Amino acid sequence: MGRRKFRGMIQVYTGNGKGKTTAALGLAFRAAGHRLKVIIVQFLKGGIAYGEGKAARKLAPYLKIVPMGRECFVDKKNPHPADRRWARRAWNLAKASVLGGKYRIVVLDEVNVAVDYG
């Protein structure tokens, strides 16, 4: 019998206010706890929050968080060229993660914001 083929699913957490990243982290932590490989690509973020990073390290090698950005505020009206480069790198990593088959769950944290910024 061959390998089981998995059908993809997309969940979007969007809107004003807090809770979107937290919801995605909850999904990722639960999946990693069940030994599913998860990657979180964080668009326009230069560092991992202390608590999330500590938890992610305990769930390695099942959970990988990759911040892709500078550790500063991004000006929506005039994004710095470095922010655009980071967003492009994050997008390339996200595509490779989805298409590569290594991860069961790929989280694109703040991708909607990056797209909105151009």
PDB file of N, CA and C in Angstrom:
ATOM      1  N   MET A   1       0.840  -1.171   0.000  1.00  0.00           N
ATOM      2  CA  MET A   1       0.000   0.000   0.000  1.00  0.00           C
ATOM      3  C   MET A   1       0.891   1.242   0.000  1.00  0.00           C
ATOM      4  N   GLY A   2       0.574   2.237  -0.836  1.00  0.00           N
ATOM      5  CA  GLY A   2       1.381   3.444  -0.970  1.00  0.00           C
ATOM      6  C   GLY A   2       1.167   4.418   0.169  1.00  0.00           C
ATOM      7  N   ARG A   3       1.926   5.494   0.090  1.00  0.00           N
ATOM      8  CA  ARG A   3       1.771   6.553   1.095  1.00  0.00           C
ATOM      9  C   ARG A   3       0.408   7.200   0.969  1.00  0.00           C
ATOM     10  N   ARG A   4      -0.155   7.532   2.100  1.00  0.00           N
ATOM     11  CA  ARG A   4      -1.442   8.207   2.121  1.00  0.00           C
ATOM     12  C   ARG A   4      -1.276   9.649   1.656  1.00  0.00           C
ATOM     13  N   LYS A   5      -2.115  10.076   0.753  1.00  0.00           N
ATOM     14  CA  LYS A   5      -2.062  11.446   0.274  1.00  0.00           C
ATOM     15  C   LYS A   5      -2.995  12.307   1.121  1.00  0.00           C
ATOM     16  N   PHE A   6      -2.465  13.427   1.608  1.00  0.00           N
ATOM     17  CA  PHE A   6      -3.251  14.319   2.454  1.00  0.00           C
ATOM     18  C   PHE A   6      -3.771  15.487   1.637  1.00  0.00           C
ATOM     19  N   ARG A   7      -4.993  15.812   1.863  1.00  0.00           N
ATOM     20  CA  ARG A   7      -5.606  16.956   1.217  1.00  0.00           C
ATOM     21  C   ARG A   7      -5.383  18.178   2.094  1.00  0.00           C
ATOM     22  N   GLY A   8      -4.973  19.256   1.492  1.00  0.00           N
ATOM     23  CA  GLY A   8      -4.677  20.457   2.250  1.00  0.00           C
ATOM     24  C   GLY A   8      -5.920  21.161   2.761  1.00  0.00           C
ATOM     25  N   MET A   9      -5.730  21.968   3.772  1.00  0.00           N
ATOM     26  CA  MET A   9      -6.804  22.766   4.350  1.00  0.00           C
ATOM     27  C   MET A   9      -6.210  24.125   4.695  1.00  0.00           C
ATOM     28  N   ILE A  10      -6.979  25.155   4.533  1.00  0.00           N
ATOM     29  CA  ILE A  10      -6.523  26.500   4.867  1.00  0.00           C
ATOM     30  C   ILE A  10      -7.427  27.063   5.954  1.00  0.00           C
ATOM     31  N   GLN A  11      -6.796  27.592   7.001  1.00  0.00           N
ATOM     32  CA  GLN A  11      -7.523  28.311   8.043  1.00  0.00           C
ATOM     33  C   GLN A  11      -6.982  29.733   8.052  1.00  0.00           C
ATOM     34  N   VAL A  12      -7.853  30.710   8.083  1.00  0.00           N
ATOM     35  CA  VAL A  12      -7.440  32.111   8.096  1.00  0.00           C
ATOM     36  C   VAL A  12      -7.931  32.745   9.389  1.00  0.00           C
ATOM     37  N   TYR A  13      -6.993  33.314  10.137  1.00  0.00           N
ATOM     38  CA  TYR A  13      -7.330  34.084  11.333  1.00  0.00           C
ATOM     39  C   TYR A  13      -7.035  35.534  10.982  1.00  0.00           C
ATOM     40  N   THR A  14      -8.063  36.357  10.888  1.00  0.00           N
ATOM     41  CA  THR A  14      -7.875  37.742  10.472  1.00  0.00           C
ATOM     42  C   THR A  14      -8.803  38.652  11.257  1.00  0.00           C
ATOM     43  N   GLY A  15      -8.525  39.935  11.210  1.00  0.00           N
ATOM     44  CA  GLY A  15      -9.373  40.904  11.881  1.00  0.00           C
ATOM     45  C   GLY A  15      -8.570  41.831  12.765  1.00  0.00           C
ATOM     46  N   ASN A  16      -9.253  42.835  13.286  1.00  0.00           N
ATOM     47  CA  ASN A  16      -8.608  43.794  14.182  1.00  0.00           C
ATOM     48  C   ASN A  16      -8.526  43.207  15.579  1.00  0.00           C
ATOM     49  N   GLY A  17      -7.535  43.633  16.315  1.00  0.00           N
ATOM     50  CA  GLY A  17      -7.407  43.194  17.695  1.00  0.00           C
ATOM     51  C   GLY A  17      -6.475  42.012  17.854  1.00  0.00           C
ATOM     52  N   LYS A  18      -6.507  41.468  19.048  1.00  0.00           N
ATOM     53  CA  LYS A  18      -5.573  40.401  19.408  1.00  0.00           C
ATOM     54  C   LYS A  18      -6.190  39.023  19.211  1.00  0.00           C
ATOM     55  N   GLY A  19      -5.320  38.008  19.207  1.00  0.00           N
ATOM     56  CA  GLY A  19      -5.788  36.634  19.220  1.00  0.00           C
ATOM     57  C   GLY A  19      -5.463  35.808  17.995  1.00  0.00           C
ATOM     58  N   LYS A  20      -5.078  36.447  16.907  1.00  0.00           N
ATOM     59  CA  LYS A  20      -4.833  35.694  15.667  1.00  0.00           C
ATOM     60  C   LYS A  20      -3.589  34.817  15.786  1.00  0.00           C
ATOM     61  N   THR A  21      -2.484  35.411  16.195  1.00  0.00           N
ATOM     62  CA  THR A  21      -1.251  34.635  16.358  1.00  0.00           C
ATOM     63  C   THR A  21      -1.419  33.615  17.469  1.00  0.00           C
ATOM     64  N   THR A  22      -2.100  33.988  18.530  1.00  0.00           N
ATOM     65  CA  THR A  22      -2.328  33.066  19.644  1.00  0.00           C
ATOM     66  C   THR A  22      -3.124  31.846  19.187  1.00  0.00           C
ATOM     67  N   ALA A  23      -4.137  32.054  18.363  1.00  0.00           N
ATOM     68  CA  ALA A  23      -4.928  30.934  17.839  1.00  0.00           C
ATOM     69  C   ALA A  23      -4.067  30.021  16.977  1.00  0.00           C
ATOM     70  N   ALA A  24      -3.247  30.610  16.125  1.00  0.00           N
ATOM     71  CA  ALA A  24      -2.373  29.810  15.265  1.00  0.00           C
ATOM     72  C   ALA A  24      -1.337  29.051  16.093  1.00  0.00           C
ATOM     73  N   LEU A  25      -0.806  29.690  17.132  1.00  0.00           N
ATOM     74  CA  LEU A  25       0.150  29.010  18.011  1.00  0.00           C
ATOM     75  C   LEU A  25      -0.510  27.838  18.726  1.00  0.00           C
ATOM     76  N   GLY A  26      -1.748  28.013  19.162  1.00  0.00           N
ATOM     77  CA  GLY A  26      -2.460  26.912  19.814  1.00  0.00           C
ATOM     78  C   GLY A  26      -2.585  25.716  18.896  1.00  0.00           C
ATOM     79  N   LEU A  27      -2.959  25.958  17.653  1.00  0.00           N
ATOM     80  CA  LEU A  27      -3.046  24.887  16.657  1.00  0.00           C
ATOM     81  C   LEU A  27      -1.688  24.218  16.477  1.00  0.00           C
ATOM     82  N   ALA A  28      -0.642  25.035  16.353  1.00  0.00           N
ATOM     83  CA  ALA A  28       0.706  24.507  16.133  1.00  0.00           C
ATOM     84  C   ALA A  28       1.198  23.699  17.331  1.00  0.00           C
ATOM     85  N   PHE A  29       0.987  24.209  18.538  1.00  0.00           N
ATOM     86  CA  PHE A  29       1.433  23.501  19.740  1.00  0.00           C
ATOM     87  C   PHE A  29       0.712  22.162  19.887  1.00  0.00           C
ATOM     88  N   ARG A  30      -0.593  22.154  19.627  1.00  0.00           N
ATOM     89  CA  ARG A  30      -1.346  20.893  19.721  1.00  0.00           C
ATOM     90  C   ARG A  30      -0.828  19.878  18.705  1.00  0.00           C
ATOM     91  N   ALA A  31      -0.624  20.320  17.485  1.00  0.00           N
ATOM     92  CA  ALA A  31      -0.145  19.412  16.436  1.00  0.00           C
ATOM     93  C   ALA A  31       1.239  18.875  16.779  1.00  0.00           C
ATOM     94  N   ALA A  32       2.134  19.748  17.224  1.00  0.00           N
ATOM     95  CA  ALA A  32       3.483  19.312  17.589  1.00  0.00           C
ATOM     96  C   ALA A  32       3.437  18.340  18.766  1.00  0.00           C
ATOM     97  N   GLY A  33       2.510  18.565  19.686  1.00  0.00           N
ATOM     98  CA  GLY A  33       2.338  17.638  20.800  1.00  0.00           C
ATOM     99  C   GLY A  33       1.926  16.249  20.351  1.00  0.00           C
ATOM    100  N   HIS A  34       1.322  16.169  19.173  1.00  0.00           N
ATOM    101  CA  HIS A  34       0.952  14.881  18.575  1.00  0.00           C
ATOM    102  C   HIS A  34       1.997  14.405  17.568  1.00  0.00           C
ATOM    103  N   ARG A  35       3.168  15.010  17.632  1.00  0.00           N
ATOM    104  CA  ARG A  35       4.327  14.639  16.809  1.00  0.00           C
ATOM    105  C   ARG A  35       4.130  14.872  15.315  1.00  0.00           C
ATOM    106  N   LEU A  36       3.378  15.898  15.002  1.00  0.00           N
ATOM    107  CA  LEU A  36       3.266  16.336  13.614  1.00  0.00           C
ATOM    108  C   LEU A  36       4.261  17.475  13.415  1.00  0.00           C
ATOM    109  N   LYS A  37       4.929  17.488  12.292  1.00  0.00           N
ATOM    110  CA  LYS A  37       5.907  18.538  11.994  1.00  0.00           C
ATOM    111  C   LYS A  37       5.179  19.828  11.619  1.00  0.00           C
ATOM    112  N   VAL A  38       5.566  20.920  12.272  1.00  0.00           N
ATOM    113  CA  VAL A  38       4.933  22.222  12.076  1.00  0.00           C
ATOM    114  C   VAL A  38       6.019  23.281  11.903  1.00  0.00           C
ATOM    115  N   ILE A  39       5.807  24.180  10.952  1.00  0.00           N
ATOM    116  CA  ILE A  39       6.667  25.357  10.832  1.00  0.00           C
ATOM    117  C   ILE A  39       5.782  26.595  10.873  1.00  0.00           C
ATOM    118  N   ILE A  40       6.245  27.596  11.605  1.00  0.00           N
ATOM    119  CA  ILE A  40       5.568  28.889  11.652  1.00  0.00           C
ATOM    120  C   ILE A  40       6.517  29.904  11.025  1.00  0.00           C
ATOM    121  N   VAL A  41       6.123  30.450   9.881  1.00  0.00           N
ATOM    122  CA  VAL A  41       6.895  31.500   9.223  1.00  0.00           C
ATOM    123  C   VAL A  41       6.274  32.822   9.640  1.00  0.00           C
ATOM    124  N   GLN A  42       7.043  33.633  10.357  1.00  0.00           N
ATOM    125  CA  GLN A  42       6.521  34.897  10.872  1.00  0.00           C
ATOM    126  C   GLN A  42       6.962  36.047   9.967  1.00  0.00           C
ATOM    127  N   PHE A  43       6.000  36.585   9.220  1.00  0.00           N
ATOM    128  CA  PHE A  43       6.272  37.706   8.329  1.00  0.00           C
ATOM    129  C   PHE A  43       6.437  38.986   9.139  1.00  0.00           C
ATOM    130  N   LEU A  44       7.436  39.792   8.780  1.00  0.00           N
ATOM    131  CA  LEU A  44       7.659  41.121   9.355  1.00  0.00           C
ATOM    132  C   LEU A  44       7.890  41.092  10.861  1.00  0.00           C
ATOM    133  N   LYS A  45       8.427  39.993  11.373  1.00  0.00           N
ATOM    134  CA  LYS A  45       8.738  39.892  12.799  1.00  0.00           C
ATOM    135  C   LYS A  45      10.202  39.485  12.937  1.00  0.00           C
ATOM    136  N   GLY A  46      10.929  40.223  13.775  1.00  0.00           N
ATOM    137  CA  GLY A  46      12.357  39.977  13.904  1.00  0.00           C
ATOM    138  C   GLY A  46      12.757  39.091  15.058  1.00  0.00           C
ATOM    139  N   GLY A  47      11.847  38.734  15.912  1.00  0.00           N
ATOM    140  CA  GLY A  47      12.199  37.900  17.050  1.00  0.00           C
ATOM    141  C   GLY A  47      11.006  37.104  17.530  1.00  0.00           C
ATOM    142  N   ILE A  48      11.296  36.100  18.332  1.00  0.00           N
ATOM    143  CA  ILE A  48      10.246  35.246  18.888  1.00  0.00           C
ATOM    144  C   ILE A  48       9.968  35.719  20.314  1.00  0.00           C
ATOM    145  N   ALA A  49       8.703  35.900  20.645  1.00  0.00           N
ATOM    146  CA  ALA A  49       8.335  36.260  22.018  1.00  0.00           C
ATOM    147  C   ALA A  49       8.868  35.190  22.970  1.00  0.00           C
ATOM    148  N   TYR A  50       9.318  35.608  24.130  1.00  0.00           N
ATOM    149  CA  TYR A  50      10.009  34.716  25.054  1.00  0.00           C
ATOM    150  C   TYR A  50       9.224  33.446  25.378  1.00  0.00           C
ATOM    151  N   GLY A  51       7.964  33.588  25.775  1.00  0.00           N
ATOM    152  CA  GLY A  51       7.169  32.419  26.165  1.00  0.00           C
ATOM    153  C   GLY A  51       6.964  31.440  25.029  1.00  0.00           C
ATOM    154  N   GLU A  52       6.640  31.976  23.847  1.00  0.00           N
ATOM    155  CA  GLU A  52       6.418  31.117  22.685  1.00  0.00           C
ATOM    156  C   GLU A  52       7.710  30.414  22.277  1.00  0.00           C
ATOM    157  N   GLY A  53       8.817  31.145  22.331  1.00  0.00           N
ATOM    158  CA  GLY A  53      10.105  30.554  21.971  1.00  0.00           C
ATOM    159  C   GLY A  53      10.506  29.440  22.920  1.00  0.00           C
ATOM    160  N   LYS A  54      10.262  29.656  24.204  1.00  0.00           N
ATOM    161  CA  LYS A  54      10.586  28.637  25.210  1.00  0.00           C
ATOM    162  C   LYS A  54       9.752  27.375  24.979  1.00  0.00           C
ATOM    163  N   ALA A  55       8.463  27.547  24.716  1.00  0.00           N
ATOM    164  CA  ALA A  55       7.590  26.399  24.450  1.00  0.00           C
ATOM    165  C   ALA A  55       7.994  25.696  23.162  1.00  0.00           C
ATOM    166  N   ALA A  56       8.330  26.468  22.130  1.00  0.00           N
ATOM    167  CA  ALA A  56       8.720  25.880  20.848  1.00  0.00           C
ATOM    168  C   ALA A  56       9.982  25.038  20.997  1.00  0.00           C
ATOM    169  N   ARG A  57      10.942  25.518  21.777  1.00  0.00           N
ATOM    170  CA  ARG A  57      12.179  24.744  21.986  1.00  0.00           C
ATOM    171  C   ARG A  57      11.881  23.404  22.651  1.00  0.00           C
ATOM    172  N   LYS A  58      10.904  23.373  23.543  1.00  0.00           N
ATOM    173  CA  LYS A  58      10.547  22.114  24.204  1.00  0.00           C
ATOM    174  C   LYS A  58       9.865  21.145  23.244  1.00  0.00           C
ATOM    175  N   LEU A  59       9.257  21.675  22.180  1.00  0.00           N
ATOM    176  CA  LEU A  59       8.559  20.830  21.210  1.00  0.00           C
ATOM    177  C   LEU A  59       9.419  20.486  19.988  1.00  0.00           C
ATOM    178  N   ALA A  60      10.659  20.951  19.980  1.00  0.00           N
ATOM    179  CA  ALA A  60      11.563  20.597  18.874  1.00  0.00           C
ATOM    180  C   ALA A  60      11.804  19.096  18.916  1.00  0.00           C
ATOM    181  N   PRO A  61      11.938  18.451  17.798  1.00  0.00           N
ATOM    182  CA  PRO A  61      12.056  18.933  16.429  1.00  0.00           C
ATOM    183  C   PRO A  61      10.715  19.048  15.707  1.00  0.00           C
ATOM    184  N   TYR A  62       9.621  18.941  16.424  1.00  0.00           N
ATOM    185  CA  TYR A  62       8.311  18.951  15.767  1.00  0.00           C
ATOM    186  C   TYR A  62       7.817  20.357  15.434  1.00  0.00           C
ATOM    187  N   LEU A  63       8.286  21.349  16.164  1.00  0.00           N
ATOM    188  CA  LEU A  63       7.831  22.720  15.937  1.00  0.00           C
ATOM    189  C   LEU A  63       9.024  23.624  15.676  1.00  0.00           C
ATOM    190  N   LYS A  64       8.927  24.378  14.597  1.00  0.00           N
ATOM    191  CA  LYS A  64       9.975  25.330  14.228  1.00  0.00           C
ATOM    192  C   LYS A  64       9.315  26.682  13.981  1.00  0.00           C
ATOM    193  N   ILE A  65       9.794  27.718  14.683  1.00  0.00           N
ATOM    194  CA  ILE A  65       9.309  29.079  14.471  1.00  0.00           C
ATOM    195  C   ILE A  65      10.431  29.875  13.818  1.00  0.00           C
ATOM    196  N   VAL A  66      10.118  30.503  12.679  1.00  0.00           N
ATOM    197  CA  VAL A  66      11.130  31.245  11.930  1.00  0.00           C
ATOM    198  C   VAL A  66      10.684  32.699  11.763  1.00  0.00           C
ATOM    199  N   PRO A  67      11.218  33.619  12.602  1.00  0.00           N
ATOM    200  CA  PRO A  67      10.900  35.029  12.413  1.00  0.00           C
ATOM    201  C   PRO A  67      11.640  35.574  11.193  1.00  0.00           C
ATOM    202  N   MET A  68      10.946  36.311  10.351  1.00  0.00           N
ATOM    203  CA  MET A  68      11.529  36.829   9.113  1.00  0.00           C
ATOM    204  C   MET A  68      11.263  38.329   9.029  1.00  0.00           C
ATOM    205  N   GLY A  69      12.129  39.118   9.631  1.00  0.00           N
ATOM    206  CA  GLY A  69      11.958  40.561   9.577  1.00  0.00           C
ATOM    207  C   GLY A  69      12.919  41.263  10.512  1.00  0.00           C
ATOM    208  N   ARG A  70      12.811  42.574  10.522  1.00  0.00           N
ATOM    209  CA  ARG A  70      13.629  43.385  11.417  1.00  0.00           C
ATOM    210  C   ARG A  70      12.883  43.558  12.734  1.00  0.00           C
ATOM    211  N   GLU A  71      13.625  43.842  13.784  1.00  0.00           N
ATOM    212  CA  GLU A  71      13.009  44.046  15.099  1.00  0.00           C
ATOM    213  C   GLU A  71      12.642  45.515  15.277  1.00  0.00           C
ATOM    214  N   CYS A  72      11.701  45.966  14.450  1.00  0.00           N
ATOM    215  CA  CYS A  72      11.241  47.348  14.552  1.00  0.00           C
ATOM    216  C   CYS A  72       9.865  47.460  13.904  1.00  0.00           C
ATOM    217  N   PHE A  73       9.241  48.596  14.075  1.00  0.00           N
ATOM    218  CA  PHE A  73       7.927  48.866  13.504  1.00  0.00           C
ATOM    219  C   PHE A  73       8.052  49.044  11.992  1.00  0.00           C
ATOM    220  N   VAL A  74       7.118  48.494  11.239  1.00  0.00           N
ATOM    221  CA  VAL A  74       7.100  48.650   9.786  1.00  0.00           C
ATOM    222  C   VAL A  74       6.081  49.732   9.434  1.00  0.00           C
ATOM    223  N   ASP A  75       6.534  50.738   8.706  1.00  0.00           N
ATOM    224  CA  ASP A  75       5.667  51.837   8.281  1.00  0.00           C
ATOM    225  C   ASP A  75       4.837  51.389   7.086  1.00  0.00           C
ATOM    226  N   LYS A  76       3.530  51.253   7.285  1.00  0.00           N
ATOM    227  CA  LYS A  76       2.647  50.754   6.227  1.00  0.00           C
ATOM    228  C   LYS A  76       2.662  51.655   4.991  1.00  0.00           C
ATOM    229  N   LYS A  77       2.745  52.952   5.192  1.00  0.00           N
ATOM    230  CA  LYS A  77       2.708  53.876   4.059  1.00  0.00           C
ATOM    231  C   LYS A  77       4.024  53.915   3.288  1.00  0.00           C
ATOM    232  N   ASN A  78       5.104  53.563   3.957  1.00  0.00           N
ATOM    233  CA  ASN A  78       6.409  53.618   3.308  1.00  0.00           C
ATOM    234  C   ASN A  78       7.314  52.516   3.866  1.00  0.00           C
ATOM    235  N   PRO A  79       7.036  51.248   3.527  1.00  0.00           N
ATOM    236  CA  PRO A  79       7.857  50.155   4.056  1.00  0.00           C
ATOM    237  C   PRO A  79       9.312  50.298   3.607  1.00  0.00           C
ATOM    238  N   HIS A  80      10.212  50.025   4.511  1.00  0.00           N
ATOM    239  CA  HIS A  80      11.646  50.075   4.216  1.00  0.00           C
ATOM    240  C   HIS A  80      11.979  48.971   3.212  1.00  0.00           C
ATOM    241  N   PRO A  81      12.907  49.217   2.294  1.00  0.00           N
ATOM    242  CA  PRO A  81      13.294  48.165   1.336  1.00  0.00           C
ATOM    243  C   PRO A  81      13.712  46.857   2.019  1.00  0.00           C
ATOM    244  N   ALA A  82      14.321  46.958   3.198  1.00  0.00           N
ATOM    245  CA  ALA A  82      14.712  45.744   3.925  1.00  0.00           C
ATOM    246  C   ALA A  82      13.488  44.930   4.329  1.00  0.00           C
ATOM    247  N   ASP A  83      12.394  45.613   4.679  1.00  0.00           N
ATOM    248  CA  ASP A  83      11.168  44.897   5.051  1.00  0.00           C
ATOM    249  C   ASP A  83      10.594  44.152   3.850  1.00  0.00           C
ATOM    250  N   ARG A  84      10.670  44.765   2.690  1.00  0.00           N
ATOM    251  CA  ARG A  84      10.206  44.094   1.462  1.00  0.00           C
ATOM    252  C   ARG A  84      11.065  42.868   1.158  1.00  0.00           C
ATOM    253  N   ARG A  85      12.382  42.999   1.360  1.00  0.00           N
ATOM    254  CA  ARG A  85      13.279  41.843   1.133  1.00  0.00           C
ATOM    255  C   ARG A  85      12.957  40.714   2.109  1.00  0.00           C
ATOM    256  N   TRP A  86      12.753  41.068   3.382  1.00  0.00           N
ATOM    257  CA  TRP A  86      12.410  40.053   4.378  1.00  0.00           C
ATOM    258  C   TRP A  86      11.097  39.358   4.027  1.00  0.00           C
ATOM    259  N   ALA A  87      10.116  40.136   3.584  1.00  0.00           N
ATOM    260  CA  ALA A  87       8.818  39.555   3.212  1.00  0.00           C
ATOM    261  C   ALA A  87       8.980  38.597   2.036  1.00  0.00           C
ATOM    262  N   ARG A  88       9.812  38.954   1.073  1.00  0.00           N
ATOM    263  CA  ARG A  88      10.058  38.071  -0.078  1.00  0.00           C
ATOM    264  C   ARG A  88      10.731  36.770   0.378  1.00  0.00           C
ATOM    265  N   ARG A  89      11.718  36.898   1.266  1.00  0.00           N
ATOM    266  CA  ARG A  89      12.381  35.694   1.811  1.00  0.00           C
ATOM    267  C   ARG A  89      11.379  34.819   2.571  1.00  0.00           C
ATOM    268  N   ALA A  90      10.530  35.463   3.357  1.00  0.00           N
ATOM    269  CA  ALA A  90       9.523  34.710   4.112  1.00  0.00           C
ATOM    270  C   ALA A  90       8.580  33.986   3.160  1.00  0.00           C
ATOM    271  N   TRP A  91       8.167  34.660   2.091  1.00  0.00           N
ATOM    272  CA  TRP A  91       7.272  34.046   1.110  1.00  0.00           C
ATOM    273  C   TRP A  91       7.946  32.845   0.446  1.00  0.00           C
ATOM    274  N   ASN A  92       9.220  32.974   0.107  1.00  0.00           N
ATOM    275  CA  ASN A  92       9.943  31.857  -0.512  1.00  0.00           C
ATOM    276  C   ASN A  92      10.056  30.673   0.444  1.00  0.00           C
ATOM    277  N   LEU A  93      10.321  30.951   1.719  1.00  0.00           N
ATOM    278  CA  LEU A  93      10.371  29.878   2.717  1.00  0.00           C
ATOM    279  C   LEU A  93       8.998  29.236   2.874  1.00  0.00           C
ATOM    280  N   ALA A  94       7.954  30.052   2.894  1.00  0.00           N
ATOM    281  CA  ALA A  94       6.591  29.527   3.028  1.00  0.00           C
ATOM    282  C   ALA A  94       6.256  28.605   1.861  1.00  0.00           C
ATOM    283  N   LYS A  95       6.551  29.041   0.637  1.00  0.00           N
ATOM    284  CA  LYS A  95       6.276  28.204  -0.542  1.00  0.00           C
ATOM    285  C   LYS A  95       7.042  26.889  -0.468  1.00  0.00           C
ATOM    286  N   ALA A  96       8.322  26.962  -0.125  1.00  0.00           N
ATOM    287  CA  ALA A  96       9.136  25.745  -0.026  1.00  0.00           C
ATOM    288  C   ALA A  96       8.597  24.817   1.059  1.00  0.00           C
ATOM    289  N   SER A  97       8.113  25.386   2.157  1.00  0.00           N
ATOM    290  CA  SER A  97       7.581  24.582   3.259  1.00  0.00           C
ATOM    291  C   SER A  97       6.286  23.883   2.867  1.00  0.00           C
ATOM    292  N   VAL A  98       5.435  24.569   2.117  1.00  0.00           N
ATOM    293  CA  VAL A  98       4.171  23.975   1.671  1.00  0.00           C
ATOM    294  C   VAL A  98       4.432  22.886   0.635  1.00  0.00           C
ATOM    295  N   LEU A  99       5.295  23.171  -0.311  1.00  0.00           N
ATOM    296  CA  LEU A  99       5.517  22.245  -1.427  1.00  0.00           C
ATOM    297  C   LEU A  99       6.479  21.111  -1.101  1.00  0.00           C
ATOM    298  N   GLY A 100       7.317  21.293  -0.073  1.00  0.00           N
ATOM    299  CA  GLY A 100       8.361  20.319   0.220  1.00  0.00           C
ATOM    300  C   GLY A 100       7.890  19.024   0.845  1.00  0.00           C
ATOM    301  N   GLY A 101       6.740  19.036   1.496  1.00  0.00           N
ATOM    302  CA  GLY A 101       6.217  17.811   2.089  1.00  0.00           C
ATOM    303  C   GLY A 101       6.787  17.450   3.444  1.00  0.00           C
ATOM    304  N   LYS A 102       7.693  18.260   3.985  1.00  0.00           N
ATOM    305  CA  LYS A 102       8.297  17.961   5.283  1.00  0.00           C
ATOM    306  C   LYS A 102       7.340  18.263   6.438  1.00  0.00           C
ATOM    307  N   TYR A 103       6.514  19.292   6.253  1.00  0.00           N
ATOM    308  CA  TYR A 103       5.645  19.764   7.333  1.00  0.00           C
ATOM    309  C   TYR A 103       4.194  19.403   7.076  1.00  0.00           C
ATOM    310  N   ARG A 104       3.507  18.998   8.149  1.00  0.00           N
ATOM    311  CA  ARG A 104       2.067  18.731   8.059  1.00  0.00           C
ATOM    312  C   ARG A 104       1.265  20.009   8.212  1.00  0.00           C
ATOM    313  N   ILE A 105       1.814  20.968   8.955  1.00  0.00           N
ATOM    314  CA  ILE A 105       1.144  22.255   9.137  1.00  0.00           C
ATOM    315  C   ILE A 105       2.156  23.371   8.878  1.00  0.00           C
ATOM    316  N   VAL A 106       1.736  24.334   8.061  1.00  0.00           N
ATOM    317  CA  VAL A 106       2.548  25.514   7.770  1.00  0.00           C
ATOM    318  C   VAL A 106       1.717  26.734   8.159  1.00  0.00           C
ATOM    319  N   VAL A 107       2.213  27.498   9.117  1.00  0.00           N
ATOM    320  CA  VAL A 107       1.527  28.701   9.576  1.00  0.00           C
ATOM    321  C   VAL A 107       2.242  29.906   8.980  1.00  0.00           C
ATOM    322  N   LEU A 108       1.487  30.788   8.335  1.00  0.00           N
ATOM    323  CA  LEU A 108       2.030  32.016   7.758  1.00  0.00           C
ATOM    324  C   LEU A 108       1.548  33.185   8.613  1.00  0.00           C
ATOM    325  N   ASP A 109       2.278  33.443   9.682  1.00  0.00           N
ATOM    326  CA  ASP A 109       1.889  34.457  10.658  1.00  0.00           C
ATOM    327  C   ASP A 109       2.103  35.855  10.076  1.00  0.00           C
ATOM    328  N   GLU A 110       1.061  36.661  10.055  1.00  0.00           N
ATOM    329  CA  GLU A 110       1.060  38.036   9.557  1.00  0.00           C
ATOM    330  C   GLU A 110       1.245  38.140   8.043  1.00  0.00           C
ATOM    331  N   VAL A 111       0.951  37.070   7.295  1.00  0.00           N
ATOM    332  CA  VAL A 111       1.085  37.137   5.837  1.00  0.00           C
ATOM    333  C   VAL A 111       0.118  38.158   5.245  1.00  0.00           C
ATOM    334  N   ASN A 112      -1.089  38.266   5.790  1.00  0.00           N
ATOM    335  CA  ASN A 112      -2.050  39.243   5.267  1.00  0.00           C
ATOM    336  C   ASN A 112      -1.536  40.673   5.431  1.00  0.00           C
ATOM    337  N   VAL A 113      -0.867  40.938   6.529  1.00  0.00           N
ATOM    338  CA  VAL A 113      -0.292  42.264   6.755  1.00  0.00           C
ATOM    339  C   VAL A 113       0.811  42.529   5.735  1.00  0.00           C
ATOM    340  N   ALA A 114       1.672  41.547   5.509  1.00  0.00           N
ATOM    341  CA  ALA A 114       2.756  41.706   4.535  1.00  0.00           C
ATOM    342  C   ALA A 114       2.202  41.975   3.141  1.00  0.00           C
ATOM    343  N   VAL A 115       1.166  41.263   2.760  1.00  0.00           N
ATOM    344  CA  VAL A 115       0.545  41.473   1.445  1.00  0.00           C
ATOM    345  C   VAL A 115      -0.067  42.874   1.381  1.00  0.00           C
ATOM    346  N   ASP A 116      -0.728  43.290   2.445  1.00  0.00           N
ATOM    347  CA  ASP A 116      -1.345  44.614   2.487  1.00  0.00           C
ATOM    348  C   ASP A 116      -0.301  45.727   2.359  1.00  0.00           C
ATOM    349  N   TYR A 117       0.887  45.497   2.912  1.00  0.00           N
ATOM    350  CA  TYR A 117       1.963  46.487   2.839  1.00  0.00           C
ATOM    351  C   TYR A 117       2.592  46.546   1.453  1.00  0.00           C
ATOM    352  N   GLY A 118       2.267  45.576   0.600  1.00  0.00           N
ATOM    353  CA  GLY A 118       2.792  45.574  -0.765  1.00  0.00           C
ATOM    354  C   GLY A 118       4.006  44.713  -0.867  1.00  0.00           C
TER     355      GLY A 118
END
